[in-house]
C-alpha cells in the first residue's frame, strides 16, 4: 500500500505511482487522507500486472466499476465513476491544469494537488482546509479567507497567489509541494 500521508510522490515517480496518486487525489477530495489511502489501496489492490488506469478501464469494459467502488465503500459513486472515466484518458506525465479541470469531479484543489506533487517546480497551492487555516492565520486581518476550498475561480486564484507568497517566505528552502506537506502535517488531525 502506498501511504501518501507519510510520503508524497515526486516528479521523478514512475507512471504507475502517478496514476495511483491521481486516483487517490480524486478519492480523497473532501475526505480524510488516511481513510482515502486505505480506500485507494483496497480499490486498486487487484490491478496485478496492470497500471491503475488499465485496471479501471477493464472494470469499465466489464461493467464492474460501480460494483467495485461499492464493495470498497468509497462513497460518491456517480462522481467517482465519471471522474475516473475522464481521468484515465489523461497522460499523467503531461496533462495540464486545464486538462484536469475538464474532468468531471476534479476541481481546483484536486487538480493543483496532483500537479503540485508530480511536476517539477509547480507553481500551485492546493487550497484545502489546512492551507486555508494557515493562510488565515497570516492574512486573516487583511483578507477574508473561507473555511473551505473556494469554487469561484477568481477567488481561488487570489488566495492561491497569496498562499504561494507566504509559503515562499516561511519555507524558503522547500519546494511548494514540500511546504504544502509541512503545513498539512501541522494542521492535520492524527
N, C-alpha and C. Protein backbone atom coordinates (compact mmCIF):
# COMPACT_ATOMS: atom_id res chain seq x y z
N UNK A 1 0.85 -1.18 0.00
CA UNK A 1 0.00 0.00 0.00
C UNK A 1 0.89 1.24 0.00
N UNK A 2 0.57 2.17 -0.86
CA UNK A 2 1.27 3.45 -0.88
C UNK A 2 0.57 4.37 0.10
N UNK A 3 1.28 4.87 1.09
CA UNK A 3 0.68 5.74 2.10
C UNK A 3 1.10 7.18 1.85
N UNK A 4 0.22 7.92 1.17
CA UNK A 4 0.55 9.29 0.81
C UNK A 4 0.46 10.25 2.00
N UNK A 5 0.03 9.75 3.17
CA UNK A 5 0.06 10.60 4.36
C UNK A 5 1.46 10.61 4.97
N UNK A 6 2.32 9.72 4.52
CA UNK A 6 3.70 9.66 5.02
C UNK A 6 4.69 10.25 4.02
N UNK A 7 4.45 9.99 2.74
CA UNK A 7 5.35 10.50 1.70
C UNK A 7 4.59 10.64 0.40
N UNK A 8 4.70 11.80 -0.20
CA UNK A 8 4.02 12.07 -1.47
C UNK A 8 4.92 11.70 -2.63
N UNK A 9 4.32 11.49 -3.81
CA UNK A 9 5.15 11.20 -4.98
C UNK A 9 6.01 12.42 -5.33
N UNK A 10 6.95 12.21 -6.21
CA UNK A 10 7.80 13.29 -6.68
C UNK A 10 7.68 13.36 -8.20
N UNK A 11 8.17 14.43 -8.81
CA UNK A 11 8.16 14.49 -10.27
C UNK A 11 8.90 13.31 -10.92
N UNK A 12 9.81 12.68 -10.19
CA UNK A 12 10.57 11.55 -10.73
C UNK A 12 9.83 10.22 -10.56
N UNK A 13 8.69 10.21 -9.89
CA UNK A 13 7.94 8.97 -9.68
C UNK A 13 7.58 8.32 -11.01
N UNK A 14 7.38 7.01 -10.98
CA UNK A 14 7.05 6.30 -12.21
C UNK A 14 5.58 6.50 -12.59
N UNK A 15 5.25 6.07 -13.79
CA UNK A 15 3.90 6.23 -14.34
C UNK A 15 2.85 5.61 -13.43
N UNK A 16 3.11 4.41 -12.97
CA UNK A 16 2.15 3.70 -12.11
C UNK A 16 1.87 4.50 -10.82
N UNK A 17 2.90 5.03 -10.20
CA UNK A 17 2.73 5.81 -8.97
C UNK A 17 1.93 7.07 -9.25
N UNK A 18 2.20 7.74 -10.36
CA UNK A 18 1.46 8.96 -10.70
C UNK A 18 -0.01 8.66 -10.99
N UNK A 19 -0.28 7.55 -11.67
CA UNK A 19 -1.68 7.18 -11.91
C UNK A 19 -2.36 6.86 -10.58
N UNK A 20 -1.69 6.09 -9.74
CA UNK A 20 -2.22 5.76 -8.42
C UNK A 20 -2.51 7.04 -7.64
N UNK A 21 -1.58 8.00 -7.72
CA UNK A 21 -1.74 9.25 -6.99
C UNK A 21 -2.92 10.08 -7.52
N UNK A 22 -3.14 10.07 -8.83
CA UNK A 22 -4.30 10.79 -9.35
C UNK A 22 -5.59 10.16 -8.86
N UNK A 23 -5.66 8.83 -8.84
CA UNK A 23 -6.85 8.16 -8.31
C UNK A 23 -7.04 8.50 -6.84
N UNK A 24 -5.96 8.45 -6.07
CA UNK A 24 -6.01 8.85 -4.66
C UNK A 24 -6.49 10.29 -4.52
N UNK A 25 -5.97 11.19 -5.34
CA UNK A 25 -6.34 12.61 -5.28
C UNK A 25 -7.84 12.80 -5.50
N UNK A 26 -8.39 12.03 -6.43
CA UNK A 26 -9.83 12.12 -6.72
C UNK A 26 -10.63 11.55 -5.56
N UNK A 27 -10.22 10.40 -5.04
CA UNK A 27 -10.94 9.76 -3.94
C UNK A 27 -10.89 10.61 -2.67
N UNK A 28 -9.77 11.24 -2.40
CA UNK A 28 -9.59 11.94 -1.13
C UNK A 28 -10.27 13.30 -1.06
N UNK A 29 -10.73 13.82 -2.18
CA UNK A 29 -11.39 15.14 -2.18
C UNK A 29 -12.56 15.14 -1.19
N UNK A 30 -12.44 15.99 -0.18
CA UNK A 30 -13.50 16.10 0.83
C UNK A 30 -13.47 15.03 1.90
N UNK A 31 -12.43 14.22 1.91
CA UNK A 31 -12.34 13.13 2.89
C UNK A 31 -11.01 13.19 3.62
N UNK A 32 -10.91 12.42 4.66
CA UNK A 32 -9.68 12.33 5.43
C UNK A 32 -8.64 11.51 4.66
N UNK A 33 -7.43 12.03 4.56
CA UNK A 33 -6.39 11.39 3.75
C UNK A 33 -6.07 9.97 4.21
N UNK A 34 -6.03 9.73 5.51
CA UNK A 34 -5.68 8.39 5.98
C UNK A 34 -6.73 7.36 5.56
N UNK A 35 -8.00 7.73 5.61
CA UNK A 35 -9.05 6.83 5.14
C UNK A 35 -8.97 6.63 3.64
N UNK A 36 -8.69 7.71 2.92
CA UNK A 36 -8.61 7.63 1.46
C UNK A 36 -7.43 6.78 1.00
N UNK A 37 -6.34 6.82 1.75
CA UNK A 37 -5.19 5.97 1.43
C UNK A 37 -5.62 4.51 1.47
N UNK A 38 -6.32 4.12 2.52
CA UNK A 38 -6.79 2.73 2.66
C UNK A 38 -7.78 2.38 1.57
N UNK A 39 -8.72 3.27 1.28
CA UNK A 39 -9.74 3.01 0.27
C UNK A 39 -9.13 2.91 -1.13
N UNK A 40 -8.13 3.75 -1.42
CA UNK A 40 -7.47 3.70 -2.72
C UNK A 40 -6.75 2.37 -2.87
N UNK A 41 -6.04 1.96 -1.84
CA UNK A 41 -5.35 0.67 -1.90
C UNK A 41 -6.35 -0.47 -2.08
N UNK A 42 -7.43 -0.44 -1.31
CA UNK A 42 -8.44 -1.50 -1.41
C UNK A 42 -9.04 -1.55 -2.82
N UNK A 43 -9.30 -0.38 -3.38
CA UNK A 43 -9.89 -0.31 -4.72
C UNK A 43 -8.93 -0.83 -5.79
N UNK A 44 -7.66 -0.52 -5.69
CA UNK A 44 -6.69 -0.86 -6.73
C UNK A 44 -5.89 -2.14 -6.46
N UNK A 45 -6.15 -2.83 -5.35
CA UNK A 45 -5.31 -3.96 -4.98
C UNK A 45 -5.34 -5.12 -5.97
N UNK A 46 -6.35 -5.20 -6.81
CA UNK A 46 -6.45 -6.31 -7.76
C UNK A 46 -5.91 -5.93 -9.14
N UNK A 47 -5.18 -4.85 -9.24
CA UNK A 47 -4.65 -4.38 -10.54
C UNK A 47 -3.33 -5.06 -10.89
N UNK A 48 -3.18 -6.32 -10.54
CA UNK A 48 -1.93 -7.04 -10.78
C UNK A 48 -1.57 -7.01 -12.26
N UNK A 49 -0.34 -6.62 -12.54
CA UNK A 49 0.15 -6.62 -13.91
C UNK A 49 -0.42 -5.51 -14.78
N UNK A 50 -1.24 -4.67 -14.20
CA UNK A 50 -1.84 -3.57 -14.94
C UNK A 50 -1.49 -2.26 -14.23
N UNK A 51 -1.52 -1.18 -15.00
CA UNK A 51 -1.44 0.12 -14.35
C UNK A 51 -2.80 0.40 -13.74
N UNK A 52 -2.89 1.35 -12.81
CA UNK A 52 -4.21 1.70 -12.26
C UNK A 52 -5.22 2.08 -13.35
N UNK A 53 -4.77 2.83 -14.36
CA UNK A 53 -5.69 3.24 -15.42
C UNK A 53 -6.16 2.04 -16.24
N UNK A 54 -5.26 1.10 -16.52
CA UNK A 54 -5.66 -0.11 -17.25
C UNK A 54 -6.68 -0.91 -16.45
N UNK A 55 -6.46 -0.99 -15.16
CA UNK A 55 -7.39 -1.73 -14.29
C UNK A 55 -8.78 -1.08 -14.30
N UNK A 56 -8.82 0.23 -14.16
CA UNK A 56 -10.11 0.94 -14.17
C UNK A 56 -10.78 0.78 -15.53
N UNK A 57 -10.02 0.86 -16.60
CA UNK A 57 -10.56 0.65 -17.94
C UNK A 57 -11.18 -0.74 -18.06
N UNK A 58 -10.51 -1.74 -17.51
CA UNK A 58 -11.05 -3.11 -17.57
C UNK A 58 -12.34 -3.21 -16.75
N UNK A 59 -12.41 -2.54 -15.61
CA UNK A 59 -13.64 -2.53 -14.82
C UNK A 59 -14.78 -1.88 -15.60
N UNK A 60 -14.48 -0.78 -16.29
CA UNK A 60 -15.49 -0.09 -17.09
C UNK A 60 -15.98 -1.02 -18.20
N UNK A 61 -15.06 -1.65 -18.91
CA UNK A 61 -15.43 -2.53 -20.03
C UNK A 61 -16.27 -3.71 -19.56
N UNK A 62 -16.01 -4.20 -18.36
CA UNK A 62 -16.77 -5.33 -17.82
C UNK A 62 -18.06 -4.89 -17.13
N UNK A 63 -18.26 -3.56 -17.03
CA UNK A 63 -19.44 -3.05 -16.33
C UNK A 63 -19.38 -3.24 -14.83
N UNK A 64 -18.17 -3.28 -14.27
CA UNK A 64 -18.00 -3.58 -12.85
C UNK A 64 -17.43 -2.43 -12.02
N UNK A 65 -17.27 -1.25 -12.62
CA UNK A 65 -16.66 -0.14 -11.89
C UNK A 65 -17.48 0.23 -10.66
N UNK A 66 -18.77 0.44 -10.84
CA UNK A 66 -19.60 0.84 -9.70
C UNK A 66 -19.63 -0.24 -8.63
N UNK A 67 -19.73 -1.48 -9.03
CA UNK A 67 -19.75 -2.57 -8.05
C UNK A 67 -18.45 -2.60 -7.24
N UNK A 68 -17.33 -2.36 -7.90
CA UNK A 68 -16.04 -2.36 -7.20
C UNK A 68 -15.95 -1.19 -6.22
N UNK A 69 -16.42 -0.02 -6.66
CA UNK A 69 -16.44 1.15 -5.77
C UNK A 69 -17.31 0.87 -4.55
N UNK A 70 -18.47 0.27 -4.77
CA UNK A 70 -19.38 -0.04 -3.66
C UNK A 70 -18.80 -1.11 -2.74
N UNK A 71 -18.12 -2.09 -3.31
CA UNK A 71 -17.50 -3.13 -2.49
C UNK A 71 -16.46 -2.53 -1.54
N UNK A 72 -15.82 -1.47 -1.99
CA UNK A 72 -14.80 -0.80 -1.17
C UNK A 72 -15.41 0.28 -0.27
N UNK A 73 -16.71 0.54 -0.42
CA UNK A 73 -17.43 1.53 0.39
C UNK A 73 -16.75 2.90 0.33
N UNK A 74 -16.41 3.30 -0.90
CA UNK A 74 -15.71 4.57 -1.09
C UNK A 74 -16.67 5.75 -1.01
N UNK A 75 -17.90 5.59 -1.46
CA UNK A 75 -18.89 6.68 -1.47
C UNK A 75 -18.79 7.51 -2.73
N UNK A 76 -19.70 8.43 -2.88
CA UNK A 76 -19.78 9.35 -4.04
C UNK A 76 -19.61 8.59 -5.36
N UNK A 77 -20.36 7.52 -5.53
CA UNK A 77 -20.16 6.59 -6.64
C UNK A 77 -20.33 7.24 -8.02
N UNK A 78 -21.37 8.02 -8.22
CA UNK A 78 -21.58 8.63 -9.53
C UNK A 78 -20.47 9.62 -9.86
N UNK A 79 -20.08 10.42 -8.89
CA UNK A 79 -19.00 11.38 -9.11
C UNK A 79 -17.70 10.66 -9.47
N UNK A 80 -17.38 9.62 -8.71
CA UNK A 80 -16.12 8.90 -8.95
C UNK A 80 -16.14 8.15 -10.28
N UNK A 81 -17.26 7.54 -10.62
CA UNK A 81 -17.34 6.84 -11.92
C UNK A 81 -17.04 7.81 -13.06
N UNK A 82 -17.66 8.97 -13.03
CA UNK A 82 -17.45 9.96 -14.09
C UNK A 82 -16.02 10.49 -14.06
N UNK A 83 -15.53 10.81 -12.88
CA UNK A 83 -14.16 11.33 -12.76
C UNK A 83 -13.14 10.31 -13.26
N UNK A 84 -13.31 9.05 -12.89
CA UNK A 84 -12.36 8.02 -13.31
C UNK A 84 -12.42 7.82 -14.83
N UNK A 85 -13.62 7.82 -15.39
CA UNK A 85 -13.75 7.66 -16.86
C UNK A 85 -12.99 8.77 -17.59
N UNK A 86 -13.10 9.99 -17.09
CA UNK A 86 -12.38 11.11 -17.71
C UNK A 86 -10.88 11.05 -17.42
N UNK A 87 -10.52 10.76 -16.17
CA UNK A 87 -9.12 10.81 -15.74
C UNK A 87 -8.26 9.78 -16.47
N UNK A 88 -8.80 8.60 -16.73
CA UNK A 88 -7.97 7.55 -17.34
C UNK A 88 -7.63 7.85 -18.80
N UNK A 89 -8.22 8.90 -19.36
CA UNK A 89 -7.86 9.31 -20.73
C UNK A 89 -6.67 10.25 -20.73
N UNK A 90 -6.26 10.71 -19.55
CA UNK A 90 -5.17 11.68 -19.45
C UNK A 90 -3.80 11.00 -19.45
N UNK A 91 -2.83 11.74 -19.91
CA UNK A 91 -1.44 11.32 -19.77
C UNK A 91 -0.94 12.02 -18.50
N UNK A 92 -0.71 11.25 -17.44
CA UNK A 92 -0.33 11.84 -16.15
C UNK A 92 1.03 12.53 -16.19
N UNK A 93 1.81 12.25 -17.21
CA UNK A 93 3.12 12.88 -17.35
C UNK A 93 3.03 14.28 -17.94
N UNK A 94 2.00 14.54 -18.76
CA UNK A 94 1.95 15.81 -19.50
C UNK A 94 0.66 16.60 -19.33
N UNK A 95 -0.33 16.05 -18.65
CA UNK A 95 -1.61 16.76 -18.55
C UNK A 95 -1.42 18.11 -17.85
N UNK A 96 -2.24 19.06 -18.26
CA UNK A 96 -2.16 20.42 -17.72
C UNK A 96 -3.26 20.63 -16.69
N UNK A 97 -3.19 21.76 -16.03
CA UNK A 97 -4.25 22.15 -15.11
C UNK A 97 -5.59 22.15 -15.83
N UNK A 98 -5.62 22.72 -17.02
CA UNK A 98 -6.86 22.79 -17.79
C UNK A 98 -7.37 21.39 -18.14
N UNK A 99 -6.47 20.48 -18.51
CA UNK A 99 -6.88 19.10 -18.82
C UNK A 99 -7.54 18.46 -17.61
N UNK A 100 -6.95 18.64 -16.46
CA UNK A 100 -7.50 18.05 -15.24
C UNK A 100 -8.85 18.67 -14.89
N UNK A 101 -8.96 19.99 -15.02
CA UNK A 101 -10.21 20.67 -14.68
C UNK A 101 -11.35 20.30 -15.63
N UNK A 102 -11.03 19.82 -16.82
CA UNK A 102 -12.07 19.37 -17.74
C UNK A 102 -12.68 18.04 -17.33
N UNK A 103 -12.03 17.32 -16.45
CA UNK A 103 -12.56 16.04 -15.95
C UNK A 103 -13.66 16.33 -14.94
N UNK A 104 -14.82 15.75 -15.15
CA UNK A 104 -15.90 15.90 -14.17
C UNK A 104 -15.44 15.31 -12.84
N UNK A 105 -15.68 16.05 -11.77
CA UNK A 105 -15.30 15.56 -10.45
C UNK A 105 -13.90 15.95 -10.01
N UNK A 106 -13.16 16.64 -10.87
CA UNK A 106 -11.84 17.15 -10.48
C UNK A 106 -11.93 18.67 -10.45
N UNK A 107 -11.77 19.22 -9.26
CA UNK A 107 -11.86 20.66 -9.09
C UNK A 107 -10.49 21.29 -8.95
N UNK A 108 -10.51 22.56 -8.59
CA UNK A 108 -9.27 23.35 -8.48
C UNK A 108 -8.27 22.73 -7.52
N UNK A 109 -8.73 22.34 -6.34
CA UNK A 109 -7.82 21.82 -5.32
C UNK A 109 -7.22 20.48 -5.75
N UNK A 110 -8.05 19.57 -6.23
CA UNK A 110 -7.57 18.25 -6.63
C UNK A 110 -6.59 18.34 -7.79
N UNK A 111 -6.91 19.15 -8.78
CA UNK A 111 -6.03 19.31 -9.94
C UNK A 111 -4.68 19.88 -9.51
N UNK A 112 -4.71 20.89 -8.69
CA UNK A 112 -3.45 21.51 -8.24
C UNK A 112 -2.66 20.59 -7.32
N UNK A 113 -3.35 19.87 -6.47
CA UNK A 113 -2.70 18.92 -5.56
C UNK A 113 -1.93 17.88 -6.37
N UNK A 114 -2.57 17.36 -7.42
CA UNK A 114 -1.89 16.38 -8.27
C UNK A 114 -0.67 16.99 -8.95
N UNK A 115 -0.84 18.14 -9.58
CA UNK A 115 0.27 18.77 -10.31
C UNK A 115 1.38 19.21 -9.37
N UNK A 116 1.01 19.73 -8.22
CA UNK A 116 2.00 20.20 -7.25
C UNK A 116 2.97 19.09 -6.87
N UNK A 117 2.45 17.86 -6.80
CA UNK A 117 3.27 16.74 -6.34
C UNK A 117 3.85 15.88 -7.45
N UNK A 118 3.54 16.20 -8.70
CA UNK A 118 4.06 15.37 -9.79
C UNK A 118 4.80 16.18 -10.86
N UNK A 119 4.91 17.48 -10.65
CA UNK A 119 5.61 18.33 -11.62
C UNK A 119 6.72 19.10 -10.92
N UNK A 120 7.85 19.12 -11.55
CA UNK A 120 8.98 19.87 -11.00
C UNK A 120 8.65 21.36 -11.05
N UNK A 121 8.94 22.05 -9.97
CA UNK A 121 8.74 23.50 -9.87
C UNK A 121 7.31 23.94 -10.15
N UNK A 122 6.34 23.14 -9.74
CA UNK A 122 4.93 23.51 -9.92
C UNK A 122 4.61 24.76 -9.12
N UNK A 123 3.87 25.65 -9.71
CA UNK A 123 3.53 26.94 -9.11
C UNK A 123 2.05 26.96 -8.72
N UNK A 124 1.68 26.07 -7.82
CA UNK A 124 0.29 25.96 -7.40
C UNK A 124 0.20 25.87 -5.88
N UNK A 125 -0.99 26.13 -5.38
CA UNK A 125 -1.31 25.87 -3.97
C UNK A 125 -2.63 25.12 -3.95
N UNK A 126 -2.62 23.99 -3.29
CA UNK A 126 -3.84 23.19 -3.14
C UNK A 126 -4.58 23.70 -1.90
N UNK A 127 -5.59 24.50 -2.12
CA UNK A 127 -6.27 25.20 -1.02
C UNK A 127 -7.26 24.29 -0.30
N UNK A 128 -6.72 23.38 0.51
CA UNK A 128 -7.58 22.56 1.36
C UNK A 128 -7.79 23.29 2.68
N UNK A 129 -8.53 22.68 3.58
CA UNK A 129 -8.84 23.36 4.84
C UNK A 129 -7.58 23.68 5.64
N UNK A 130 -6.56 22.83 5.52
CA UNK A 130 -5.33 23.05 6.27
C UNK A 130 -4.58 24.28 5.77
N UNK A 131 -4.43 24.38 4.46
CA UNK A 131 -3.75 25.54 3.87
C UNK A 131 -4.55 26.80 4.14
N UNK A 132 -5.87 26.70 4.02
CA UNK A 132 -6.71 27.88 4.27
C UNK A 132 -6.58 28.37 5.71
N UNK A 133 -6.54 27.45 6.67
CA UNK A 133 -6.34 27.84 8.08
C UNK A 133 -4.99 28.53 8.25
N UNK A 134 -3.98 27.96 7.62
CA UNK A 134 -2.64 28.52 7.72
C UNK A 134 -2.59 29.92 7.10
N UNK A 135 -3.17 30.08 5.92
CA UNK A 135 -3.19 31.39 5.27
C UNK A 135 -3.99 32.37 6.12
N UNK A 136 -5.10 31.93 6.67
CA UNK A 136 -5.92 32.79 7.53
C UNK A 136 -5.14 33.25 8.76
N UNK A 137 -4.31 32.36 9.30
CA UNK A 137 -3.52 32.75 10.48
C UNK A 137 -2.51 33.84 10.15
N UNK A 138 -2.16 33.99 8.88
CA UNK A 138 -1.20 35.02 8.46
C UNK A 138 -1.87 36.23 7.83
N UNK A 139 -2.99 36.03 7.16
CA UNK A 139 -3.61 37.12 6.41
C UNK A 139 -5.04 37.43 6.82
N UNK A 140 -5.53 36.75 7.82
CA UNK A 140 -6.92 36.89 8.22
C UNK A 140 -7.38 38.30 8.52
N UNK A 141 -6.48 39.14 8.99
CA UNK A 141 -6.85 40.52 9.28
C UNK A 141 -6.98 41.36 8.01
N UNK A 142 -6.34 40.92 6.93
CA UNK A 142 -6.29 41.70 5.70
C UNK A 142 -7.15 41.14 4.58
N UNK A 143 -7.58 39.90 4.74
CA UNK A 143 -8.27 39.22 3.66
C UNK A 143 -9.28 38.24 4.24
N UNK A 144 -10.44 38.15 3.63
CA UNK A 144 -11.45 37.20 4.09
C UNK A 144 -11.14 35.83 3.50
N UNK A 145 -10.67 34.92 4.33
CA UNK A 145 -10.28 33.58 3.89
C UNK A 145 -11.41 32.62 4.25
N UNK A 146 -11.96 31.92 3.26
CA UNK A 146 -13.05 30.96 3.55
C UNK A 146 -12.53 29.76 4.32
N UNK A 147 -13.43 29.04 4.95
CA UNK A 147 -13.06 27.85 5.72
C UNK A 147 -12.90 26.62 4.82
N UNK A 148 -13.54 26.64 3.65
CA UNK A 148 -13.43 25.52 2.72
C UNK A 148 -12.97 26.02 1.36
N UNK A 149 -12.54 25.11 0.54
CA UNK A 149 -11.97 25.43 -0.77
C UNK A 149 -12.93 26.26 -1.61
N UNK A 150 -12.50 27.43 -2.06
CA UNK A 150 -13.39 28.26 -2.89
C UNK A 150 -13.63 27.61 -4.26
N UNK A 151 -14.86 27.68 -4.72
CA UNK A 151 -15.19 27.14 -6.04
C UNK A 151 -15.10 28.21 -7.11
N UNK A 152 -15.14 29.46 -6.69
CA UNK A 152 -15.02 30.58 -7.63
C UNK A 152 -13.57 30.68 -8.09
N UNK A 153 -13.35 30.60 -9.40
CA UNK A 153 -12.00 30.59 -9.96
C UNK A 153 -11.21 31.84 -9.58
N UNK A 154 -11.82 33.00 -9.67
CA UNK A 154 -11.12 34.26 -9.37
C UNK A 154 -10.69 34.31 -7.91
N UNK A 155 -11.59 33.93 -7.00
CA UNK A 155 -11.26 33.92 -5.58
C UNK A 155 -10.17 32.89 -5.30
N UNK A 156 -10.29 31.71 -5.91
CA UNK A 156 -9.27 30.67 -5.71
C UNK A 156 -7.89 31.22 -6.11
N UNK A 157 -7.82 31.83 -7.28
CA UNK A 157 -6.54 32.34 -7.77
C UNK A 157 -5.98 33.45 -6.88
N UNK A 158 -6.85 34.30 -6.35
CA UNK A 158 -6.40 35.38 -5.46
C UNK A 158 -5.78 34.80 -4.18
N UNK A 159 -6.47 33.83 -3.58
CA UNK A 159 -5.95 33.23 -2.35
C UNK A 159 -4.70 32.40 -2.66
N UNK A 160 -4.73 31.70 -3.78
CA UNK A 160 -3.57 30.89 -4.18
C UNK A 160 -2.32 31.76 -4.34
N UNK A 161 -2.47 32.89 -4.99
CA UNK A 161 -1.35 33.82 -5.19
C UNK A 161 -0.74 34.20 -3.84
N UNK A 162 -1.58 34.56 -2.88
CA UNK A 162 -1.10 34.95 -1.56
C UNK A 162 -0.52 33.77 -0.79
N UNK A 163 -1.13 32.59 -0.95
CA UNK A 163 -0.62 31.40 -0.27
C UNK A 163 0.79 31.06 -0.76
N UNK A 164 1.01 31.16 -2.07
CA UNK A 164 2.33 30.88 -2.63
C UNK A 164 3.36 31.87 -2.09
N UNK A 165 3.00 33.14 -2.05
CA UNK A 165 3.93 34.14 -1.50
C UNK A 165 4.28 33.81 -0.05
N UNK A 166 3.29 33.46 0.75
CA UNK A 166 3.53 33.11 2.15
C UNK A 166 4.40 31.86 2.29
N UNK A 167 4.11 30.85 1.47
CA UNK A 167 4.91 29.62 1.55
C UNK A 167 6.36 29.89 1.22
N UNK A 168 6.60 30.70 0.23
CA UNK A 168 7.99 31.03 -0.13
C UNK A 168 8.68 31.80 0.99
N UNK A 169 7.93 32.67 1.65
CA UNK A 169 8.50 33.46 2.74
C UNK A 169 8.81 32.58 3.96
N UNK A 170 7.87 31.70 4.33
CA UNK A 170 8.01 30.90 5.54
C UNK A 170 8.79 29.61 5.34
N UNK A 171 8.89 29.15 4.10
CA UNK A 171 9.62 27.91 3.80
C UNK A 171 10.57 28.15 2.62
N UNK A 172 11.55 29.05 2.78
CA UNK A 172 12.39 29.44 1.64
C UNK A 172 13.23 28.31 1.05
N UNK A 173 13.51 27.30 1.83
CA UNK A 173 14.38 26.21 1.36
C UNK A 173 13.59 25.00 0.84
N UNK A 174 12.26 25.10 0.82
CA UNK A 174 11.43 23.99 0.38
C UNK A 174 10.73 24.31 -0.93
N UNK A 175 10.38 23.27 -1.66
CA UNK A 175 9.52 23.47 -2.83
C UNK A 175 8.12 23.77 -2.32
N UNK A 176 7.25 24.23 -3.19
CA UNK A 176 5.86 24.48 -2.77
C UNK A 176 5.18 23.18 -2.35
N UNK A 177 5.52 22.07 -3.00
CA UNK A 177 4.95 20.78 -2.61
C UNK A 177 5.39 20.40 -1.20
N UNK A 178 6.67 20.62 -0.90
CA UNK A 178 7.17 20.31 0.44
C UNK A 178 6.55 21.23 1.49
N UNK A 179 6.41 22.50 1.16
CA UNK A 179 5.78 23.45 2.08
C UNK A 179 4.33 23.06 2.35
N UNK A 180 3.62 22.69 1.29
CA UNK A 180 2.23 22.24 1.42
C UNK A 180 2.15 21.05 2.38
N UNK A 181 3.06 20.09 2.22
CA UNK A 181 3.06 18.90 3.05
C UNK A 181 3.37 19.25 4.51
N UNK A 182 4.31 20.16 4.74
CA UNK A 182 4.64 20.58 6.10
C UNK A 182 3.44 21.25 6.77
N UNK A 183 2.75 22.09 6.03
CA UNK A 183 1.55 22.76 6.58
C UNK A 183 0.47 21.73 6.86
N UNK A 184 0.28 20.80 5.93
CA UNK A 184 -0.74 19.76 6.12
C UNK A 184 -0.44 18.96 7.39
N UNK A 185 0.82 18.57 7.59
CA UNK A 185 1.19 17.80 8.78
C UNK A 185 0.93 18.60 10.06
N UNK A 186 1.15 19.91 9.99
CA UNK A 186 0.95 20.77 11.16
C UNK A 186 -0.53 20.85 11.54
N UNK A 187 -1.42 20.89 10.54
CA UNK A 187 -2.84 21.10 10.83
C UNK A 187 -3.70 19.84 10.78
N UNK A 188 -3.19 18.75 10.20
CA UNK A 188 -3.98 17.53 10.09
C UNK A 188 -4.13 16.88 11.45
N UNK A 189 -5.31 16.35 11.67
CA UNK A 189 -5.55 15.64 12.92
C UNK A 189 -5.07 14.20 12.75
N UNK A 190 -4.40 13.67 13.78
CA UNK A 190 -3.87 12.30 13.69
C UNK A 190 -4.96 11.25 13.56
